[in-house]
Amino acid sequence: MIRIVVFVGPSASGKSTVRDKFDFRKIVTYTTRSPRSGEIPGVHYHFTDRESLMKLNEEGRILEYSEYNGNLYATSMDSFENVFKGDDIYSVVLDSSGARKIKVLYGDSAIIIGVTAGRDECIARMQSRGGEDNDLRIASFEKELQEAGDISELIINNSQKYWDTSARLISVIQEGILGQKR
């Protein structure tokens, strides 16, 4: 039975936006980067510093972490504490490395969904929300797209011209995953 839905894809492809369209509980991950405008600590990320995050890792409290453009992103062991206690389905946005680790640890209890959008559209999204690392994020677009394609069991095209189709697909996926509990 699927208990964890992992979303992967290039920067600004809409991973969090797609995830938010599902009615699954969210696993909030950690990052050492600064919050962007509108991001709320504990809702979008647990914002912390590198030293504190590495201390959690040394204490064995980090399930997986990776570095992206000079910032650390991590998933804590605590965040998975309740995943298998009840009937809820959980979702998390990770990079491909983290998604692979989750799949190895949780097997068929996890499904990896790739989220993609056209390069130009992703660049426009990055620029509209600001950030000092856009050049690095743009440079890694093709690599992230390839990695997401290599590990995803399903891919949702989140380009604006496909939003209606994506919404229908999301509804079918959610119904199928939630239907497994009946």
C-alpha atoms as a PDB file:
ATOM      1  CA  MET A   1       0.000   0.000   0.000  1.00  0.00           C
ATOM      2  CA  ILE A   2       1.358   3.436  -0.930  1.00  0.00           C
ATOM      3  CA  ARG A   3       1.998   5.584   2.146  1.00  0.00           C
ATOM      4  CA  ILE A   4       4.535   8.115   0.814  1.00  0.00           C
ATOM      5  CA  VAL A   5       4.266  10.148  -2.392  1.00  0.00           C
ATOM      6  CA  VAL A   6       7.584  11.725  -3.376  1.00  0.00           C
ATOM      7  CA  PHE A   7       7.663  14.603  -5.869  1.00  0.00           C
ATOM      8  CA  VAL A   8      10.835  15.279  -7.884  1.00  0.00           C
ATOM      9  CA  GLY A   9      11.726  17.517 -10.804  1.00  0.00           C
ATOM     10  CA  PRO A  10      13.679  20.534 -11.950  1.00  0.00           C
ATOM     11  CA  SER A  11      13.653  23.820 -10.062  1.00  0.00           C
ATOM     12  CA  ALA A  12      10.455  25.806 -10.641  1.00  0.00           C
ATOM     13  CA  SER A  13       8.698  22.912 -12.385  1.00  0.00           C
ATOM     14  CA  GLY A  14       5.950  23.208  -9.792  1.00  0.00           C
ATOM     15  CA  LYS A  15       6.691  20.294  -7.463  1.00  0.00           C
ATOM     16  CA  SER A  16       5.251  22.029  -4.399  1.00  0.00           C
ATOM     17  CA  THR A  17       2.352  23.454  -6.397  1.00  0.00           C
ATOM     18  CA  VAL A  18       1.413  19.995  -7.688  1.00  0.00           C
ATOM     19  CA  ARG A  19       1.901  18.455  -4.250  1.00  0.00           C
ATOM     20  CA  ASP A  20      -0.443  21.047  -2.749  1.00  0.00           C
ATOM     21  CA  LYS A  21      -3.214  19.884  -5.104  1.00  0.00           C
ATOM     22  CA  PHE A  22      -3.215  16.464  -3.466  1.00  0.00           C
ATOM     23  CA  ASP A  23      -5.055  15.869  -0.215  1.00  0.00           C
ATOM     24  CA  PHE A  24      -2.104  14.200   1.500  1.00  0.00           C
ATOM     25  CA  ARG A  25      -0.329  15.161   4.707  1.00  0.00           C
ATOM     26  CA  LYS A  26       2.893  17.031   4.052  1.00  0.00           C
ATOM     27  CA  ILE A  27       6.309  16.127   5.340  1.00  0.00           C
ATOM     28  CA  VAL A  28       8.179  19.385   5.935  1.00  0.00           C
ATOM     29  CA  THR A  29      11.883  19.140   5.169  1.00  0.00           C
ATOM     30  CA  TYR A  30      14.850  21.176   6.386  1.00  0.00           C
ATOM     31  CA  THR A  31      16.983  23.660   4.491  1.00  0.00           C
ATOM     32  CA  THR A  32      19.926  25.902   5.281  1.00  0.00           C
ATOM     33  CA  ARG A  33      18.922  28.486   2.674  1.00  0.00           C
ATOM     34  CA  SER A  34      17.176  31.697   3.633  1.00  0.00           C
ATOM     35  CA  PRO A  35      13.390  31.846   3.338  1.00  0.00           C
ATOM     36  CA  ARG A  36      12.019  33.313   0.133  1.00  0.00           C
ATOM     37  CA  SER A  37       9.337  35.937   0.238  1.00  0.00           C
ATOM     38  CA  GLY A  38       6.093  34.397   1.482  1.00  0.00           C
ATOM     39  CA  GLU A  39       7.669  31.214   2.859  1.00  0.00           C
ATOM     40  CA  ILE A  40       6.589  30.334   6.379  1.00  0.00           C
ATOM     41  CA  PRO A  41       8.939  28.456   8.728  1.00  0.00           C
ATOM     42  CA  GLY A  42       7.502  25.052   9.643  1.00  0.00           C
ATOM     43  CA  VAL A  43       5.078  25.164   6.713  1.00  0.00           C
ATOM     44  CA  HIS A  44       7.319  25.398   3.662  1.00  0.00           C
ATOM     45  CA  TYR A  45      10.589  24.312   5.295  1.00  0.00           C
ATOM     46  CA  HIS A  46      12.251  24.083   8.662  1.00  0.00           C
ATOM     47  CA  PHE A  47      14.867  26.810   8.148  1.00  0.00           C
ATOM     48  CA  THR A  48      18.105  26.209  10.001  1.00  0.00           C
ATOM     49  CA  ASP A  49      21.833  26.726   9.736  1.00  0.00           C
ATOM     50  CA  ARG A  50      24.388  24.260   8.390  1.00  0.00           C
ATOM     51  CA  GLU A  51      25.947  23.560  11.787  1.00  0.00           C
ATOM     52  CA  SER A  52      22.600  22.642  13.404  1.00  0.00           C
ATOM     53  CA  LEU A  53      21.613  20.429  10.483  1.00  0.00           C
ATOM     54  CA  MET A  54      24.941  18.588  10.505  1.00  0.00           C
ATOM     55  CA  LYS A  55      24.579  18.079  14.268  1.00  0.00           C
ATOM     56  CA  LEU A  56      21.170  16.442  13.677  1.00  0.00           C
ATOM     57  CA  ASN A  57      22.815  14.225  11.065  1.00  0.00           C
ATOM     58  CA  GLU A  58      25.649  13.238  13.426  1.00  0.00           C
ATOM     59  CA  GLU A  59      23.023  12.320  16.036  1.00  0.00           C
ATOM     60  CA  GLY A  60      21.374   9.981  13.517  1.00  0.00           C
ATOM     61  CA  ARG A  61      18.247  12.122  13.276  1.00  0.00           C
ATOM     62  CA  ILE A  62      18.481  12.803   9.524  1.00  0.00           C
ATOM     63  CA  LEU A  63      17.081  10.243   7.095  1.00  0.00           C
ATOM     64  CA  GLU A  64      18.712  11.803   4.052  1.00  0.00           C
ATOM     65  CA  TYR A  65      20.308  15.066   3.030  1.00  0.00           C
ATOM     66  CA  SER A  66      21.850  16.574  -0.049  1.00  0.00           C
ATOM     67  CA  GLU A  67      23.539  19.775  -1.060  1.00  0.00           C
ATOM     68  CA  TYR A  68      22.061  21.896  -3.808  1.00  0.00           C
ATOM     69  CA  ASN A  69      23.671  25.144  -4.929  1.00  0.00           C
ATOM     70  CA  GLY A  70      25.540  25.531  -1.653  1.00  0.00           C
ATOM     71  CA  ASN A  71      22.553  24.878   0.607  1.00  0.00           C
ATOM     72  CA  LEU A  72      21.667  21.715   2.461  1.00  0.00           C
ATOM     73  CA  TYR A  73      18.235  20.103   2.188  1.00  0.00           C
ATOM     74  CA  ALA A  74      17.328  17.293   4.553  1.00  0.00           C
ATOM     75  CA  THR A  75      14.555  15.039   5.718  1.00  0.00           C
ATOM     76  CA  SER A  76      14.511  14.141   9.384  1.00  0.00           C
ATOM     77  CA  MET A  77      13.786  10.735  10.847  1.00  0.00           C
ATOM     78  CA  ASP A  78      11.161  12.398  13.040  1.00  0.00           C
ATOM     79  CA  SER A  79       9.194  13.474   9.973  1.00  0.00           C
ATOM     80  CA  PHE A  80       8.576   9.819   9.102  1.00  0.00           C
ATOM     81  CA  GLU A  81       7.669   8.809  12.647  1.00  0.00           C
ATOM     82  CA  ASN A  82       3.921   8.859  12.006  1.00  0.00           C
ATOM     83  CA  VAL A  83       3.868   7.674   8.388  1.00  0.00           C
ATOM     84  CA  PHE A  84       3.089   4.074   9.222  1.00  0.00           C
ATOM     85  CA  LYS A  85       1.062   4.633  12.398  1.00  0.00           C
ATOM     86  CA  GLY A  86      -2.272   5.558  10.831  1.00  0.00           C
ATOM     87  CA  ASP A  87      -4.049   5.497   7.508  1.00  0.00           C
ATOM     88  CA  ASP A  88      -2.842   8.867   6.230  1.00  0.00           C
ATOM     89  CA  ILE A  89      -0.879   9.238   3.018  1.00  0.00           C
ATOM     90  CA  TYR A  90       2.123  11.564   3.255  1.00  0.00           C
ATOM     91  CA  SER A  91       3.858  13.622   0.587  1.00  0.00           C
ATOM     92  CA  VAL A  92       7.303  15.143   0.338  1.00  0.00           C
ATOM     93  CA  VAL A  93       9.293  17.129  -2.228  1.00  0.00           C
ATOM     94  CA  LEU A  94      12.852  15.842  -2.621  1.00  0.00           C
ATOM     95  CA  ASP A  95      15.678  15.865  -5.102  1.00  0.00           C
ATOM     96  CA  SER A  96      16.404  12.676  -7.043  1.00  0.00           C
ATOM     97  CA  SER A  97      19.036  11.509  -4.568  1.00  0.00           C
ATOM     98  CA  GLY A  98      16.640  11.790  -1.635  1.00  0.00           C
ATOM     99  CA  ALA A  99      13.842  10.134  -3.616  1.00  0.00           C
ATOM    100  CA  ARG A 100      16.087   7.161  -4.397  1.00  0.00           C
ATOM    101  CA  LYS A 101      16.897   6.749  -0.703  1.00  0.00           C
ATOM    102  CA  ILE A 102      13.209   6.851   0.241  1.00  0.00           C
ATOM    103  CA  LYS A 103      12.420   4.235  -2.406  1.00  0.00           C
ATOM    104  CA  VAL A 104      15.194   1.956  -1.144  1.00  0.00           C
ATOM    105  CA  LEU A 105      14.049   2.333   2.469  1.00  0.00           C
ATOM    106  CA  TYR A 106      10.297   2.076   1.889  1.00  0.00           C
ATOM    107  CA  GLY A 107       9.981   0.105  -1.380  1.00  0.00           C
ATOM    108  CA  ASP A 108       6.436  -0.189  -2.708  1.00  0.00           C
ATOM    109  CA  SER A 109       5.143   1.941   0.170  1.00  0.00           C
ATOM    110  CA  ALA A 110       6.591   4.928  -1.717  1.00  0.00           C
ATOM    111  CA  ILE A 111       5.794   6.188  -5.203  1.00  0.00           C
ATOM    112  CA  ILE A 112       7.915   8.752  -7.035  1.00  0.00           C
ATOM    113  CA  ILE A 113       6.069  11.269  -9.179  1.00  0.00           C
ATOM    114  CA  GLY A 114       8.085  13.471 -11.511  1.00  0.00           C
ATOM    115  CA  VAL A 115       6.916  17.028 -12.144  1.00  0.00           C
ATOM    116  CA  THR A 116       8.125  18.813 -15.235  1.00  0.00           C
ATOM    117  CA  ALA A 117       7.530  21.963 -17.234  1.00  0.00           C
ATOM    118  CA  GLY A 118       9.273  23.558 -20.167  1.00  0.00           C
ATOM    119  CA  ARG A 119      12.688  25.117 -19.564  1.00  0.00           C
ATOM    120  CA  ASP A 120      11.596  28.634 -20.578  1.00  0.00           C
ATOM    121  CA  GLU A 121       8.536  28.410 -18.338  1.00  0.00           C
ATOM    122  CA  CYS A 122      10.655  27.257 -15.382  1.00  0.00           C
ATOM    123  CA  ILE A 123      13.103  30.115 -15.969  1.00  0.00           C
ATOM    124  CA  ALA A 124      10.228  32.617 -16.010  1.00  0.00           C
ATOM    125  CA  ARG A 125       8.884  31.136 -12.749  1.00  0.00           C
ATOM    126  CA  MET A 126      12.317  31.372 -11.099  1.00  0.00           C
ATOM    127  CA  GLN A 127      12.724  34.977 -12.159  1.00  0.00           C
ATOM    128  CA  SER A 128       9.242  35.929 -10.967  1.00  0.00           C
ATOM    129  CA  ARG A 129       9.856  34.653  -7.448  1.00  0.00           C
ATOM    130  CA  GLY A 130      13.375  36.068  -7.159  1.00  0.00           C
ATOM    131  CA  GLY A 131      16.391  34.505  -5.551  1.00  0.00           C
ATOM    132  CA  GLU A 132      20.094  34.946  -5.903  1.00  0.00           C
ATOM    133  CA  ASP A 133      20.852  31.433  -7.147  1.00  0.00           C
ATOM    134  CA  ASN A 134      18.744  31.418 -10.325  1.00  0.00           C
ATOM    135  CA  ASP A 135      21.761  31.060 -12.638  1.00  0.00           C
ATOM    136  CA  LEU A 136      22.869  27.905 -10.820  1.00  0.00           C
ATOM    137  CA  ARG A 137      19.326  26.529 -10.819  1.00  0.00           C
ATOM    138  CA  ILE A 138      18.908  27.200 -14.547  1.00  0.00           C
ATOM    139  CA  ALA A 139      22.269  25.553 -15.279  1.00  0.00           C
ATOM    140  CA  SER A 140      21.132  22.344 -13.557  1.00  0.00           C
ATOM    141  CA  PHE A 141      17.747  22.167 -15.328  1.00  0.00           C
ATOM    142  CA  GLU A 142      18.644  19.473 -17.907  1.00  0.00           C
ATOM    143  CA  LYS A 143      20.397  17.290 -15.324  1.00  0.00           C
ATOM    144  CA  GLU A 144      17.444  17.518 -12.908  1.00  0.00           C
ATOM    145  CA  LEU A 145      15.001  16.773 -15.722  1.00  0.00           C
ATOM    146  CA  GLN A 146      16.979  13.678 -16.749  1.00  0.00           C
ATOM    147  CA  GLU A 147      17.301  12.439 -13.157  1.00  0.00           C
ATOM    148  CA  ALA A 148      13.589  12.910 -12.497  1.00  0.00           C
ATOM    149  CA  GLY A 149      12.767  11.008 -15.676  1.00  0.00           C
ATOM    150  CA  ASP A 150      15.097   8.172 -14.683  1.00  0.00           C
ATOM    151  CA  ILE A 151      13.513   7.516 -11.283  1.00  0.00           C
ATOM    152  CA  SER A 152       9.892   8.648 -11.601  1.00  0.00           C
ATOM    153  CA  GLU A 153       7.166   6.051 -11.810  1.00  0.00           C
ATOM    154  CA  LEU A 154       4.780   8.658 -13.177  1.00  0.00           C
ATOM    155  CA  ILE A 155       5.373  12.113 -14.662  1.00  0.00           C
ATOM    156  CA  ILE A 156       3.028  15.106 -14.552  1.00  0.00           C
ATOM    157  CA  ASN A 157       3.607  17.868 -17.091  1.00  0.00           C
ATOM    158  CA  ASN A 158       2.983  21.058 -15.128  1.00  0.00           C
ATOM    159  CA  SER A 159       3.409  23.434 -18.074  1.00  0.00           C
ATOM    160  CA  GLN A 160       0.653  26.020 -18.064  1.00  0.00           C
ATOM    161  CA  LYS A 161      -0.855  24.751 -21.314  1.00  0.00           C
ATOM    162  CA  TYR A 162      -1.412  21.353 -19.626  1.00  0.00           C
ATOM    163  CA  TRP A 163      -2.832  22.565 -16.300  1.00  0.00           C
ATOM    164  CA  ASP A 164      -6.345  21.280 -17.060  1.00  0.00           C
ATOM    165  CA  THR A 165      -4.993  17.871 -18.041  1.00  0.00           C
ATOM    166  CA  SER A 166      -2.725  17.831 -14.980  1.00  0.00           C
ATOM    167  CA  ALA A 167      -5.676  18.626 -12.706  1.00  0.00           C
ATOM    168  CA  ARG A 168      -7.631  15.686 -14.110  1.00  0.00           C
ATOM    169  CA  LEU A 169      -4.609  13.400 -13.774  1.00  0.00           C
ATOM    170  CA  ILE A 170      -4.027  14.527 -10.184  1.00  0.00           C
ATOM    171  CA  SER A 171      -7.650  13.731  -9.357  1.00  0.00           C
ATOM    172  CA  VAL A 172      -7.334  10.212 -10.812  1.00  0.00           C
ATOM    173  CA  ILE A 173      -4.020   9.558  -9.038  1.00  0.00           C
ATOM    174  CA  GLN A 174      -5.369  10.764  -5.707  1.00  0.00           C
ATOM    175  CA  GLU A 175      -8.522   8.700  -6.070  1.00  0.00           C
ATOM    176  CA  GLY A 176      -6.438   5.611  -6.864  1.00  0.00           C
ATOM    177  CA  ILE A 177      -4.050   6.092  -3.949  1.00  0.00           C
ATOM    178  CA  LEU A 178      -6.808   6.916  -1.466  1.00  0.00           C
ATOM    179  CA  GLY A 179      -8.935   4.079  -2.871  1.00  0.00           C
ATOM    180  CA  GLN A 180      -6.343   1.513  -1.828  1.00  0.00           C
ATOM    181  CA  LYS A 181      -7.396   2.058   1.804  1.00  0.00           C
ATOM    182  CA  ARG A 182     -10.964   0.856   1.187  1.00  0.00           C
END
